[in-house]
Amino acid sequence: MKYTHPLGTVKALESFFNRGPFPVGGDGDTINVGSANSAEPENVLVVPSYRQIIDLQDFSASRSIHAPGQSGHPASKHYDDFIALWRNGETHPMLYQQEEIKKQAEGKMYLQPKKL
């Protein structure tokens, strides 16, 4: 399986934008769904991009994962940081409590409208 960015279709930019290929398992009849073109079975085209486990008794115990990462910018450390977790079937905590969110935050961004 390969994570392909739209700009990664340009040959000179491919290694900067794209990630993979990575071996993945699964087929249409497994929990970890995977689908490939029968002419190229090594080229997996369909996988679950997001997994989520919600604990309805304790939302703070809920977990999720999406790949390849939180950022869409290839120079960000969060561009592909979830690939290993995703491939191993692991997740990260979903933060619901304000104090947990503040403790885990890497920074703040303030968006201000332009004054007219």
PDB file of N, CA and C in Angstrom:
ATOM      1  N   MET A   1       0.829  -1.159   0.000  1.00  0.00           N
ATOM      2  CA  MET A   1       0.000   0.000   0.000  1.00  0.00           C
ATOM      3  C   MET A   1       0.882   1.233   0.000  1.00  0.00           C
ATOM      4  N   LYS A   2       0.453   2.248  -0.709  1.00  0.00           N
ATOM      5  CA  LYS A   2       1.245   3.470  -0.815  1.00  0.00           C
ATOM      6  C   LYS A   2       0.342   4.668  -0.552  1.00  0.00           C
ATOM      7  N   TYR A   3       0.829   5.599   0.258  1.00  0.00           N
ATOM      8  CA  TYR A   3       0.131   6.869   0.468  1.00  0.00           C
ATOM      9  C   TYR A   3       0.627   7.829  -0.598  1.00  0.00           C
ATOM     10  N   THR A   4      -0.261   8.211  -1.478  1.00  0.00           N
ATOM     11  CA  THR A   4       0.113   9.058  -2.606  1.00  0.00           C
ATOM     12  C   THR A   4      -0.524  10.433  -2.466  1.00  0.00           C
ATOM     13  N   HIS A   5       0.289  11.438  -2.445  1.00  0.00           N
ATOM     14  CA  HIS A   5      -0.150  12.832  -2.410  1.00  0.00           C
ATOM     15  C   HIS A   5      -0.388  13.279  -3.854  1.00  0.00           C
ATOM     16  N   PRO A   6      -1.360  14.156  -4.111  1.00  0.00           N
ATOM     17  CA  PRO A   6      -1.574  14.618  -5.489  1.00  0.00           C
ATOM     18  C   PRO A   6      -0.310  15.160  -6.153  1.00  0.00           C
ATOM     19  N   LEU A   7       0.523  15.877  -5.402  1.00  0.00           N
ATOM     20  CA  LEU A   7       1.762  16.391  -5.993  1.00  0.00           C
ATOM     21  C   LEU A   7       2.814  15.295  -6.149  1.00  0.00           C
ATOM     22  N   GLY A   8       2.598  14.157  -5.505  1.00  0.00           N
ATOM     23  CA  GLY A   8       3.516  13.036  -5.618  1.00  0.00           C
ATOM     24  C   GLY A   8       3.418  12.305  -6.936  1.00  0.00           C
ATOM     25  N   THR A   9       2.471  12.700  -7.776  1.00  0.00           N
ATOM     26  CA  THR A   9       2.383  12.103  -9.115  1.00  0.00           C
ATOM     27  C   THR A   9       3.441  12.682 -10.048  1.00  0.00           C
ATOM     28  N   VAL A  10       4.044  13.803  -9.651  1.00  0.00           N
ATOM     29  CA  VAL A  10       5.159  14.382 -10.403  1.00  0.00           C
ATOM     30  C   VAL A  10       6.410  13.607  -9.998  1.00  0.00           C
ATOM     31  N   LYS A  11       7.048  12.943 -10.940  1.00  0.00           N
ATOM     32  CA  LYS A  11       8.162  12.032 -10.657  1.00  0.00           C
ATOM     33  C   LYS A  11       9.244  12.676  -9.780  1.00  0.00           C
ATOM     34  N   ALA A  12       9.609  13.902 -10.053  1.00  0.00           N
ATOM     35  CA  ALA A  12      10.670  14.573  -9.297  1.00  0.00           C
ATOM     36  C   ALA A  12      10.267  14.840  -7.843  1.00  0.00           C
ATOM     37  N   LEU A  13       8.966  14.873  -7.553  1.00  0.00           N
ATOM     38  CA  LEU A  13       8.476  15.174  -6.207  1.00  0.00           C
ATOM     39  C   LEU A  13       7.995  13.938  -5.457  1.00  0.00           C
ATOM     40  N   GLU A  14       7.990  12.808  -6.128  1.00  0.00           N
ATOM     41  CA  GLU A  14       7.403  11.586  -5.577  1.00  0.00           C
ATOM     42  C   GLU A  14       7.951  11.224  -4.192  1.00  0.00           C
ATOM     43  N   SER A  15       9.246  11.195  -4.020  1.00  0.00           N
ATOM     44  CA  SER A  15       9.822  10.761  -2.739  1.00  0.00           C
ATOM     45  C   SER A  15       9.574  11.773  -1.622  1.00  0.00           C
ATOM     46  N   PHE A  16       9.364  13.034  -1.956  1.00  0.00           N
ATOM     47  CA  PHE A  16       9.088  14.049  -0.945  1.00  0.00           C
ATOM     48  C   PHE A  16       7.654  13.948  -0.432  1.00  0.00           C
ATOM     49  N   PHE A  17       6.696  13.696  -1.327  1.00  0.00           N
ATOM     50  CA  PHE A  17       5.289  13.712  -0.953  1.00  0.00           C
ATOM     51  C   PHE A  17       4.709  12.347  -0.600  1.00  0.00           C
ATOM     52  N   ASN A  18       5.142  11.285  -1.254  1.00  0.00           N
ATOM     53  CA  ASN A  18       4.532   9.968  -1.072  1.00  0.00           C
ATOM     54  C   ASN A  18       5.222   9.181   0.034  1.00  0.00           C
ATOM     55  N   ARG A  19       4.486   8.240   0.615  1.00  0.00           N
ATOM     56  CA  ARG A  19       5.025   7.344   1.638  1.00  0.00           C
ATOM     57  C   ARG A  19       4.677   5.909   1.259  1.00  0.00           C
ATOM     58  N   GLY A  20       5.659   5.030   1.436  1.00  0.00           N
ATOM     59  CA  GLY A  20       5.427   3.623   1.129  1.00  0.00           C
ATOM     60  C   GLY A  20       6.229   3.218  -0.082  1.00  0.00           C
ATOM     61  N   PRO A  21       6.018   2.049  -0.600  1.00  0.00           N
ATOM     62  CA  PRO A  21       4.917   1.137  -0.256  1.00  0.00           C
ATOM     63  C   PRO A  21       5.179   0.371   1.037  1.00  0.00           C
ATOM     64  N   PHE A  22       4.053  -0.045   1.673  1.00  0.00           N
ATOM     65  CA  PHE A  22       4.075  -0.823   2.896  1.00  0.00           C
ATOM     66  C   PHE A  22       3.262  -2.089   2.679  1.00  0.00           C
ATOM     67  N   PRO A  23       3.730  -3.220   3.192  1.00  0.00           N
ATOM     68  CA  PRO A  23       2.911  -4.428   3.099  1.00  0.00           C
ATOM     69  C   PRO A  23       1.725  -4.325   4.058  1.00  0.00           C
ATOM     70  N   VAL A  24       0.557  -4.695   3.614  1.00  0.00           N
ATOM     71  CA  VAL A  24      -0.640  -4.721   4.457  1.00  0.00           C
ATOM     72  C   VAL A  24      -1.398  -6.009   4.177  1.00  0.00           C
ATOM     73  N   GLY A  25      -2.120  -6.464   5.169  1.00  0.00           N
ATOM     74  CA  GLY A  25      -2.937  -7.660   5.008  1.00  0.00           C
ATOM     75  C   GLY A  25      -4.398  -7.285   4.874  1.00  0.00           C
ATOM     76  N   GLY A  26      -5.231  -8.290   4.793  1.00  0.00           N
ATOM     77  CA  GLY A  26      -6.666  -8.066   4.743  1.00  0.00           C
ATOM     78  C   GLY A  26      -7.230  -8.219   3.353  1.00  0.00           C
ATOM     79  N   ASP A  27      -8.530  -8.467   3.313  1.00  0.00           N
ATOM     80  CA  ASP A  27      -9.263  -8.528   2.054  1.00  0.00           C
ATOM     81  C   ASP A  27     -10.688  -8.075   2.326  1.00  0.00           C
ATOM     82  N   GLY A  28     -11.579  -8.281   1.405  1.00  0.00           N
ATOM     83  CA  GLY A  28     -12.950  -7.810   1.545  1.00  0.00           C
ATOM     84  C   GLY A  28     -13.745  -8.502   2.631  1.00  0.00           C
ATOM     85  N   ASP A  29     -13.228  -9.600   3.188  1.00  0.00           N
ATOM     86  CA  ASP A  29     -13.943 -10.367   4.206  1.00  0.00           C
ATOM     87  C   ASP A  29     -13.274 -10.318   5.573  1.00  0.00           C
ATOM     88  N   THR A  30     -12.385  -9.381   5.795  1.00  0.00           N
ATOM     89  CA  THR A  30     -11.706  -9.270   7.085  1.00  0.00           C
ATOM     90  C   THR A  30     -12.013  -7.926   7.729  1.00  0.00           C
ATOM     91  N   ILE A  31     -11.790  -7.841   9.036  1.00  0.00           N
ATOM     92  CA  ILE A  31     -11.998  -6.571   9.740  1.00  0.00           C
ATOM     93  C   ILE A  31     -11.065  -5.511   9.186  1.00  0.00           C
ATOM     94  N   ASN A  32      -9.834  -5.892   8.932  1.00  0.00           N
ATOM     95  CA  ASN A  32      -8.870  -4.973   8.331  1.00  0.00           C
ATOM     96  C   ASN A  32      -9.011  -5.079   6.810  1.00  0.00           C
ATOM     97  N   VAL A  33     -10.042  -4.471   6.298  1.00  0.00           N
ATOM     98  CA  VAL A  33     -10.377  -4.584   4.876  1.00  0.00           C
ATOM     99  C   VAL A  33      -9.217  -4.120   4.011  1.00  0.00           C
ATOM    100  N   GLY A  34      -8.971  -4.845   2.967  1.00  0.00           N
ATOM    101  CA  GLY A  34      -7.973  -4.460   1.980  1.00  0.00           C
ATOM    102  C   GLY A  34      -8.444  -4.927   0.619  1.00  0.00           C
ATOM    103  N   SER A  35      -8.158  -4.175  -0.391  1.00  0.00           N
ATOM    104  CA  SER A  35      -8.563  -4.552  -1.744  1.00  0.00           C
ATOM    105  C   SER A  35      -7.476  -4.123  -2.718  1.00  0.00           C
ATOM    106  N   ALA A  36      -7.213  -5.005  -3.667  1.00  0.00           N
ATOM    107  CA  ALA A  36      -6.180  -4.723  -4.661  1.00  0.00           C
ATOM    108  C   ALA A  36      -6.699  -5.075  -6.042  1.00  0.00           C
ATOM    109  N   ASN A  37      -6.058  -4.534  -7.036  1.00  0.00           N
ATOM    110  CA  ASN A  37      -6.331  -4.881  -8.422  1.00  0.00           C
ATOM    111  C   ASN A  37      -5.802  -6.299  -8.641  1.00  0.00           C
ATOM    112  N   SER A  38      -6.619  -7.197  -9.185  1.00  0.00           N
ATOM    113  CA  SER A  38      -6.188  -8.588  -9.354  1.00  0.00           C
ATOM    114  C   SER A  38      -4.975  -8.710 -10.275  1.00  0.00           C
ATOM    115  N   ALA A  39      -4.782  -7.754 -11.173  1.00  0.00           N
ATOM    116  CA  ALA A  39      -3.611  -7.784 -12.056  1.00  0.00           C
ATOM    117  C   ALA A  39      -2.335  -7.388 -11.311  1.00  0.00           C
ATOM    118  N   GLU A  40      -2.492  -6.626 -10.208  1.00  0.00           N
ATOM    119  CA  GLU A  40      -1.352  -6.197  -9.392  1.00  0.00           C
ATOM    120  C   GLU A  40      -1.692  -6.406  -7.917  1.00  0.00           C
ATOM    121  N   PRO A  41      -1.735  -7.647  -7.441  1.00  0.00           N
ATOM    122  CA  PRO A  41      -2.161  -7.893  -6.061  1.00  0.00           C
ATOM    123  C   PRO A  41      -1.276  -7.240  -5.006  1.00  0.00           C
ATOM    124  N   GLU A  42      -0.042  -6.919  -5.353  1.00  0.00           N
ATOM    125  CA  GLU A  42       0.838  -6.248  -4.391  1.00  0.00           C
ATOM    126  C   GLU A  42       0.499  -4.772  -4.241  1.00  0.00           C
ATOM    127  N   ASN A  43      -0.316  -4.236  -5.128  1.00  0.00           N
ATOM    128  CA  ASN A  43      -0.696  -2.829  -5.109  1.00  0.00           C
ATOM    129  C   ASN A  43      -2.069  -2.688  -4.454  1.00  0.00           C
ATOM    130  N   VAL A  44      -2.089  -2.598  -3.126  1.00  0.00           N
ATOM    131  CA  VAL A  44      -3.341  -2.474  -2.381  1.00  0.00           C
ATOM    132  C   VAL A  44      -3.895  -1.072  -2.586  1.00  0.00           C
ATOM    133  N   LEU A  45      -5.158  -1.002  -2.980  1.00  0.00           N
ATOM    134  CA  LEU A  45      -5.781   0.278  -3.323  1.00  0.00           C
ATOM    135  C   LEU A  45      -6.766   0.770  -2.276  1.00  0.00           C
ATOM    136  N   VAL A  46      -7.365  -0.149  -1.507  1.00  0.00           N
ATOM    137  CA  VAL A  46      -8.406   0.225  -0.549  1.00  0.00           C
ATOM    138  C   VAL A  46      -8.041  -0.322   0.826  1.00  0.00           C
ATOM    139  N   VAL A  47      -8.010   0.545   1.820  1.00  0.00           N
ATOM    140  CA  VAL A  47      -7.791   0.174   3.218  1.00  0.00           C
ATOM    141  C   VAL A  47      -8.642   1.103   4.082  1.00  0.00           C
ATOM    142  N   PRO A  48      -8.915   0.736   5.341  1.00  0.00           N
ATOM    143  CA  PRO A  48      -9.621   1.670   6.219  1.00  0.00           C
ATOM    144  C   PRO A  48      -8.687   2.819   6.590  1.00  0.00           C
ATOM    145  N   SER A  49      -9.083   4.030   6.276  1.00  0.00           N
ATOM    146  CA  SER A  49      -8.204   5.169   6.561  1.00  0.00           C
ATOM    147  C   SER A  49      -8.356   5.658   7.996  1.00  0.00           C
ATOM    148  N   TYR A  50      -9.464   5.298   8.648  1.00  0.00           N
ATOM    149  CA  TYR A  50      -9.735   5.785   9.998  1.00  0.00           C
ATOM    150  C   TYR A  50     -10.331   4.658  10.820  1.00  0.00           C
ATOM    151  N   ARG A  51      -9.846   4.504  12.027  1.00  0.00           N
ATOM    152  CA  ARG A  51     -10.402   3.535  12.971  1.00  0.00           C
ATOM    153  C   ARG A  51     -10.706   4.287  14.260  1.00  0.00           C
ATOM    154  N   GLN A  52     -11.833   3.929  14.886  1.00  0.00           N
ATOM    155  CA  GLN A  52     -12.247   4.642  16.095  1.00  0.00           C
ATOM    156  C   GLN A  52     -12.912   3.666  17.060  1.00  0.00           C
ATOM    157  N   ILE A  53     -12.557   3.775  18.331  1.00  0.00           N
ATOM    158  CA  ILE A  53     -13.178   2.994  19.393  1.00  0.00           C
ATOM    159  C   ILE A  53     -13.694   3.998  20.410  1.00  0.00           C
ATOM    160  N   ILE A  54     -15.010   4.048  20.576  1.00  0.00           N
ATOM    161  CA  ILE A  54     -15.625   4.994  21.507  1.00  0.00           C
ATOM    162  C   ILE A  54     -16.097   4.242  22.742  1.00  0.00           C
ATOM    163  N   ASP A  55     -15.669   4.697  23.904  1.00  0.00           N
ATOM    164  CA  ASP A  55     -16.129   4.143  25.175  1.00  0.00           C
ATOM    165  C   ASP A  55     -17.273   5.031  25.656  1.00  0.00           C
ATOM    166  N   LEU A  56     -18.489   4.528  25.577  1.00  0.00           N
ATOM    167  CA  LEU A  56     -19.656   5.337  25.918  1.00  0.00           C
ATOM    168  C   LEU A  56     -19.796   5.574  27.420  1.00  0.00           C
ATOM    169  N   GLN A  57     -19.084   4.804  28.246  1.00  0.00           N
ATOM    170  CA  GLN A  57     -19.102   5.046  29.685  1.00  0.00           C
ATOM    171  C   GLN A  57     -18.030   6.042  30.103  1.00  0.00           C
ATOM    172  N   ASP A  58     -16.986   6.154  29.310  1.00  0.00           N
ATOM    173  CA  ASP A  58     -15.875   7.056  29.632  1.00  0.00           C
ATOM    174  C   ASP A  58     -15.263   7.554  28.323  1.00  0.00           C
ATOM    175  N   PHE A  59     -15.765   8.654  27.820  1.00  0.00           N
ATOM    176  CA  PHE A  59     -15.274   9.173  26.544  1.00  0.00           C
ATOM    177  C   PHE A  59     -13.758   9.392  26.558  1.00  0.00           C
ATOM    178  N   SER A  60     -13.190   9.668  27.718  1.00  0.00           N
ATOM    179  CA  SER A  60     -11.745   9.884  27.801  1.00  0.00           C
ATOM    180  C   SER A  60     -10.947   8.617  27.516  1.00  0.00           C
ATOM    181  N   ALA A  61     -11.596   7.462  27.559  1.00  0.00           N
ATOM    182  CA  ALA A  61     -10.924   6.198  27.243  1.00  0.00           C
ATOM    183  C   ALA A  61     -11.045   5.860  25.756  1.00  0.00           C
ATOM    184  N   SER A  62     -11.698   6.714  24.982  1.00  0.00           N
ATOM    185  CA  SER A  62     -11.873   6.477  23.544  1.00  0.00           C
ATOM    186  C   SER A  62     -10.546   6.637  22.816  1.00  0.00           C
ATOM    187  N   ARG A  63     -10.428   5.922  21.705  1.00  0.00           N
ATOM    188  CA  ARG A  63      -9.168   5.906  20.955  1.00  0.00           C
ATOM    189  C   ARG A  63      -9.467   5.961  19.462  1.00  0.00           C
ATOM    190  N   SER A  64      -8.482   6.397  18.685  1.00  0.00           N
ATOM    191  CA  SER A  64      -8.655   6.435  17.230  1.00  0.00           C
ATOM    192  C   SER A  64      -7.290   6.420  16.547  1.00  0.00           C
ATOM    193  N   ILE A  65      -7.329   6.263  15.254  1.00  0.00           N
ATOM    194  CA  ILE A  65      -6.123   6.354  14.426  1.00  0.00           C
ATOM    195  C   ILE A  65      -6.543   6.662  12.999  1.00  0.00           C
ATOM    196  N   HIS A  66      -5.787   7.482  12.350  1.00  0.00           N
ATOM    197  CA  HIS A  66      -5.938   7.706  10.912  1.00  0.00           C
ATOM    198  C   HIS A  66      -4.531   7.857  10.354  1.00  0.00           C
ATOM    199  N   ALA A  67      -4.384   7.506   9.145  1.00  0.00           N
ATOM    200  CA  ALA A  67      -3.042   7.564   8.551  1.00  0.00           C
ATOM    201  C   ALA A  67      -3.111   8.327   7.239  1.00  0.00           C
ATOM    202  N   PRO A  68      -2.036   8.941   6.840  1.00  0.00           N
ATOM    203  CA  PRO A  68      -0.688   8.771   7.352  1.00  0.00           C
ATOM    204  C   PRO A  68      -0.342   9.641   8.556  1.00  0.00           C
ATOM    205  N   GLY A  69      -0.999  10.789   8.741  1.00  0.00           N
ATOM    206  CA  GLY A  69      -0.686  11.657   9.875  1.00  0.00           C
ATOM    207  C   GLY A  69      -1.671  12.804   9.964  1.00  0.00           C
ATOM    208  N   GLN A  70      -1.464  13.665  10.948  1.00  0.00           N
ATOM    209  CA  GLN A  70      -2.386  14.763  11.202  1.00  0.00           C
ATOM    210  C   GLN A  70      -2.189  15.930  10.236  1.00  0.00           C
ATOM    211  N   SER A  71      -0.980  16.094   9.738  1.00  0.00           N
ATOM    212  CA  SER A  71      -0.672  17.241   8.885  1.00  0.00           C
ATOM    213  C   SER A  71      -0.665  16.858   7.411  1.00  0.00           C
ATOM    214  N   GLY A  72      -1.007  17.787   6.577  1.00  0.00           N
ATOM    215  CA  GLY A  72      -0.923  17.593   5.134  1.00  0.00           C
ATOM    216  C   GLY A  72       0.345  18.184   4.538  1.00  0.00           C
ATOM    217  N   HIS A  73       1.233  18.679   5.390  1.00  0.00           N
ATOM    218  CA  HIS A  73       2.473  19.298   4.917  1.00  0.00           C
ATOM    219  C   HIS A  73       3.629  18.320   5.088  1.00  0.00           C
ATOM    220  N   PRO A  74       4.286  17.922   3.993  1.00  0.00           N
ATOM    221  CA  PRO A  74       5.340  16.903   4.067  1.00  0.00           C
ATOM    222  C   PRO A  74       6.515  17.253   4.974  1.00  0.00           C
ATOM    223  N   ALA A  75       6.745  18.527   5.251  1.00  0.00           N
ATOM    224  CA  ALA A  75       7.859  18.903   6.119  1.00  0.00           C
ATOM    225  C   ALA A  75       7.486  18.843   7.603  1.00  0.00           C
ATOM    226  N   SER A  76       6.218  18.620   7.897  1.00  0.00           N
ATOM    227  CA  SER A  76       5.769  18.545   9.286  1.00  0.00           C
ATOM    228  C   SER A  76       6.109  17.183   9.888  1.00  0.00           C
ATOM    229  N   LYS A  77       6.445  17.167  11.172  1.00  0.00           N
ATOM    230  CA  LYS A  77       6.699  15.890  11.847  1.00  0.00           C
ATOM    231  C   LYS A  77       5.420  15.066  11.974  1.00  0.00           C
ATOM    232  N   HIS A  78       4.278  15.691  11.735  1.00  0.00           N
ATOM    233  CA  HIS A  78       3.000  14.984  11.829  1.00  0.00           C
ATOM    234  C   HIS A  78       2.441  14.581  10.461  1.00  0.00           C
ATOM    235  N   TYR A  79       3.241  14.690   9.426  1.00  0.00           N
ATOM    236  CA  TYR A  79       2.800  14.310   8.078  1.00  0.00           C
ATOM    237  C   TYR A  79       2.592  12.804   7.963  1.00  0.00           C
ATOM    238  N   ASP A  80       3.471  12.027   8.574  1.00  0.00           N
ATOM    239  CA  ASP A  80       3.396  10.568   8.433  1.00  0.00           C
ATOM    240  C   ASP A  80       3.610   9.835   9.758  1.00  0.00           C
ATOM    241  N   ASP A  81       3.394  10.537  10.873  1.00  0.00           N
ATOM    242  CA  ASP A  81       3.720   9.939  12.166  1.00  0.00           C
ATOM    243  C   ASP A  81       2.736   8.880  12.654  1.00  0.00           C
ATOM    244  N   PHE A  82       1.612   8.685  11.977  1.00  0.00           N
ATOM    245  CA  PHE A  82       0.653   7.654  12.394  1.00  0.00           C
ATOM    246  C   PHE A  82       0.758   6.377  11.559  1.00  0.00           C
ATOM    247  N   ILE A  83       1.630   6.337  10.579  1.00  0.00           N
ATOM    248  CA  ILE A  83       1.702   5.161   9.705  1.00  0.00           C
ATOM    249  C   ILE A  83       2.043   3.904  10.493  1.00  0.00           C
ATOM    250  N   ALA A  84       3.070   3.955  11.327  1.00  0.00           N
ATOM    251  CA  ALA A  84       3.476   2.761  12.085  1.00  0.00           C
ATOM    252  C   ALA A  84       2.363   2.302  13.021  1.00  0.00           C
ATOM    253  N   LEU A  85       1.730   3.236  13.726  1.00  0.00           N
ATOM    254  CA  LEU A  85       0.608   2.874  14.598  1.00  0.00           C
ATOM    255  C   LEU A  85      -0.506   2.216  13.795  1.00  0.00           C
ATOM    256  N   TRP A  86      -0.876   2.836  12.688  1.00  0.00           N
ATOM    257  CA  TRP A  86      -1.964   2.322  11.850  1.00  0.00           C
ATOM    258  C   TRP A  86      -1.642   0.917  11.357  1.00  0.00           C
ATOM    259  N   ARG A  87      -0.434   0.715  10.857  1.00  0.00           N
ATOM    260  CA  ARG A  87      -0.042  -0.594  10.320  1.00  0.00           C
ATOM    261  C   ARG A  87      -0.055  -1.676  11.393  1.00  0.00           C
ATOM    262  N   ASN A  88       0.248  -1.320  12.642  1.00  0.00           N
ATOM    263  CA  ASN A  88       0.276  -2.290  13.739  1.00  0.00           C
ATOM    264  C   ASN A  88      -1.070  -2.443  14.436  1.00  0.00           C
ATOM    265  N   GLY A  89      -2.106  -1.774  13.933  1.00  0.00           N
ATOM    266  CA  GLY A  89      -3.430  -1.866  14.549  1.00  0.00           C
ATOM    267  C   GLY A  89      -3.524  -1.133  15.873  1.00  0.00           C
ATOM    268  N   GLU A  90      -2.624  -0.197  16.099  1.00  0.00           N
ATOM    269  CA  GLU A  90      -2.616   0.571  17.342  1.00  0.00           C
ATOM    270  C   GLU A  90      -3.413   1.862  17.169  1.00  0.00           C
ATOM    271  N   THR A  91      -3.664   2.531  18.272  1.00  0.00           N
ATOM    272  CA  THR A  91      -4.447   3.769  18.262  1.00  0.00           C
ATOM    273  C   THR A  91      -3.792   4.784  19.198  1.00  0.00           C
ATOM    274  N   HIS A  92      -4.347   5.971  19.207  1.00  0.00           N
ATOM    275  CA  HIS A  92      -3.919   6.998  20.158  1.00  0.00           C
ATOM    276  C   HIS A  92      -5.155   7.489  20.898  1.00  0.00           C
ATOM    277  N   PRO A  93      -4.991   8.074  22.090  1.00  0.00           N
ATOM    278  CA  PRO A  93      -6.149   8.541  22.853  1.00  0.00           C
ATOM    279  C   PRO A  93      -6.856   9.698  22.154  1.00  0.00           C
ATOM    280  N   MET A  94      -8.166   9.712  22.297  1.00  0.00           N
ATOM    281  CA  MET A  94      -8.953  10.867  21.858  1.00  0.00           C
ATOM    282  C   MET A  94      -9.160  11.726  23.105  1.00  0.00           C
ATOM    283  N   LEU A  95      -8.769  12.960  23.039  1.00  0.00           N
ATOM    284  CA  LEU A  95      -8.812  13.821  24.217  1.00  0.00           C
ATOM    285  C   LEU A  95     -10.136  14.580  24.269  1.00  0.00           C
ATOM    286  N   TYR A  96     -10.829  14.466  25.402  1.00  0.00           N
ATOM    287  CA  TYR A  96     -12.117  15.136  25.580  1.00  0.00           C
ATOM    288  C   TYR A  96     -12.094  16.157  26.710  1.00  0.00           C
ATOM    289  N   GLN A  97     -11.240  15.961  27.708  1.00  0.00           N
ATOM    290  CA  GLN A  97     -11.182  16.855  28.857  1.00  0.00           C
ATOM    291  C   GLN A  97     -10.231  18.016  28.559  1.00  0.00           C
ATOM    292  N   GLN A  98     -10.674  19.226  28.875  1.00  0.00           N
ATOM    293  CA  GLN A  98      -9.896  20.427  28.586  1.00  0.00           C
ATOM    294  C   GLN A  98      -8.487  20.358  29.173  1.00  0.00           C
ATOM    295  N   GLU A  99      -8.362  19.849  30.404  1.00  0.00           N
ATOM    296  CA  GLU A  99      -7.032  19.786  31.024  1.00  0.00           C
ATOM    297  C   GLU A  99      -6.108  18.812  30.284  1.00  0.00           C
ATOM    298  N   GLU A 100      -6.648  17.705  29.776  1.00  0.00           N
ATOM    299  CA  GLU A 100      -5.848  16.761  28.988  1.00  0.00           C
ATOM    300  C   GLU A 100      -5.425  17.380  27.653  1.00  0.00           C
ATOM    301  N   ILE A 101      -6.342  18.090  27.041  1.00  0.00           N
ATOM    302  CA  ILE A 101      -6.036  18.753  25.766  1.00  0.00           C
ATOM    303  C   ILE A 101      -4.910  19.766  25.971  1.00  0.00           C
ATOM    304  N   LYS A 102      -5.005  20.580  27.016  1.00  0.00           N
ATOM    305  CA  LYS A 102      -3.969  21.580  27.295  1.00  0.00           C
ATOM    306  C   LYS A 102      -2.629  20.919  27.593  1.00  0.00           C
ATOM    307  N   LYS A 103      -2.647  19.801  28.322  1.00  0.00           N
ATOM    308  CA  LYS A 103      -1.414  19.101  28.680  1.00  0.00           C
ATOM    309  C   LYS A 103      -0.724  18.515  27.446  1.00  0.00           C
ATOM    310  N   GLN A 104      -1.487  18.056  26.476  1.00  0.00           N
ATOM    311  CA  GLN A 104      -0.930  17.414  25.283  1.00  0.00           C
ATOM    312  C   GLN A 104      -0.652  18.387  24.138  1.00  0.00           C
ATOM    313  N   ALA A 105      -1.166  19.601  24.244  1.00  0.00           N
ATOM    314  CA  ALA A 105      -1.025  20.568  23.147  1.00  0.00           C
ATOM    315  C   ALA A 105       0.440  20.902  22.879  1.00  0.00           C
ATOM    316  N   GLU A 106       0.773  21.025  21.620  1.00  0.00           N
ATOM    317  CA  GLU A 106       2.131  21.417  21.226  1.00  0.00           C
ATOM    318  C   GLU A 106       2.239  22.921  21.015  1.00  0.00           C
ATOM    319  N   GLY A 107       1.124  23.586  20.938  1.00  0.00           N
ATOM    320  CA  GLY A 107       1.131  25.023  20.725  1.00  0.00           C
ATOM    321  C   GLY A 107      -0.284  25.534  20.558  1.00  0.00           C
ATOM    322  N   LYS A 108      -0.403  26.801  20.295  1.00  0.00           N
ATOM    323  CA  LYS A 108      -1.699  27.436  20.057  1.00  0.00           C
ATOM    324  C   LYS A 108      -1.623  28.224  18.766  1.00  0.00           C
ATOM    325  N   MET A 109      -2.743  28.296  18.090  1.00  0.00           N
ATOM    326  CA  MET A 109      -2.830  29.116  16.887  1.00  0.00           C
ATOM    327  C   MET A 109      -4.061  30.011  17.043  1.00  0.00           C
ATOM    328  N   TYR A 110      -3.857  31.274  16.870  1.00  0.00           N
ATOM    329  CA  TYR A 110      -4.950  32.230  16.958  1.00  0.00           C
ATOM    330  C   TYR A 110      -5.262  32.747  15.563  1.00  0.00           C
ATOM    331  N   LEU A 111      -6.493  32.654  15.174  1.00  0.00           N
ATOM    332  CA  LEU A 111      -6.932  33.159  13.876  1.00  0.00           C
ATOM    333  C   LEU A 111      -7.750  34.422  14.114  1.00  0.00           C
ATOM    334  N   GLN A 112      -7.298  35.509  13.559  1.00  0.00           N
ATOM    335  CA  GLN A 112      -7.967  36.792  13.726  1.00  0.00           C
ATOM    336  C   GLN A 112      -8.462  37.277  12.372  1.00  0.00           C
ATOM    337  N   PRO A 113      -9.723  37.704  12.312  1.00  0.00           N
ATOM    338  CA  PRO A 113     -10.198  38.250  11.035  1.00  0.00           C
ATOM    339  C   PRO A 113      -9.500  39.577  10.736  1.00  0.00           C
ATOM    340  N   LYS A 114      -9.333  39.844   9.480  1.00  0.00           N
ATOM    341  CA  LYS A 114      -8.715  41.100   9.064  1.00  0.00           C
ATOM    342  C   LYS A 114      -9.656  42.250   9.411  1.00  0.00           C
ATOM    343  N   LYS A 115      -9.097  43.294   9.978  1.00  0.00           N
ATOM    344  CA  LYS A 115      -9.910  44.461  10.314  1.00  0.00           C
ATOM    345  C   LYS A 115     -10.244  45.205   9.040  1.00  0.00           C
ATOM    346  N   LEU A 116     -11.490  45.570   8.916  1.00  0.00           N
ATOM    347  CA  LEU A 116     -11.941  46.295   7.722  1.00  0.00           C
ATOM    348  C   LEU A 116     -11.782  47.778   7.878  1.00  0.00           C
TER     349      LEU A 116
END
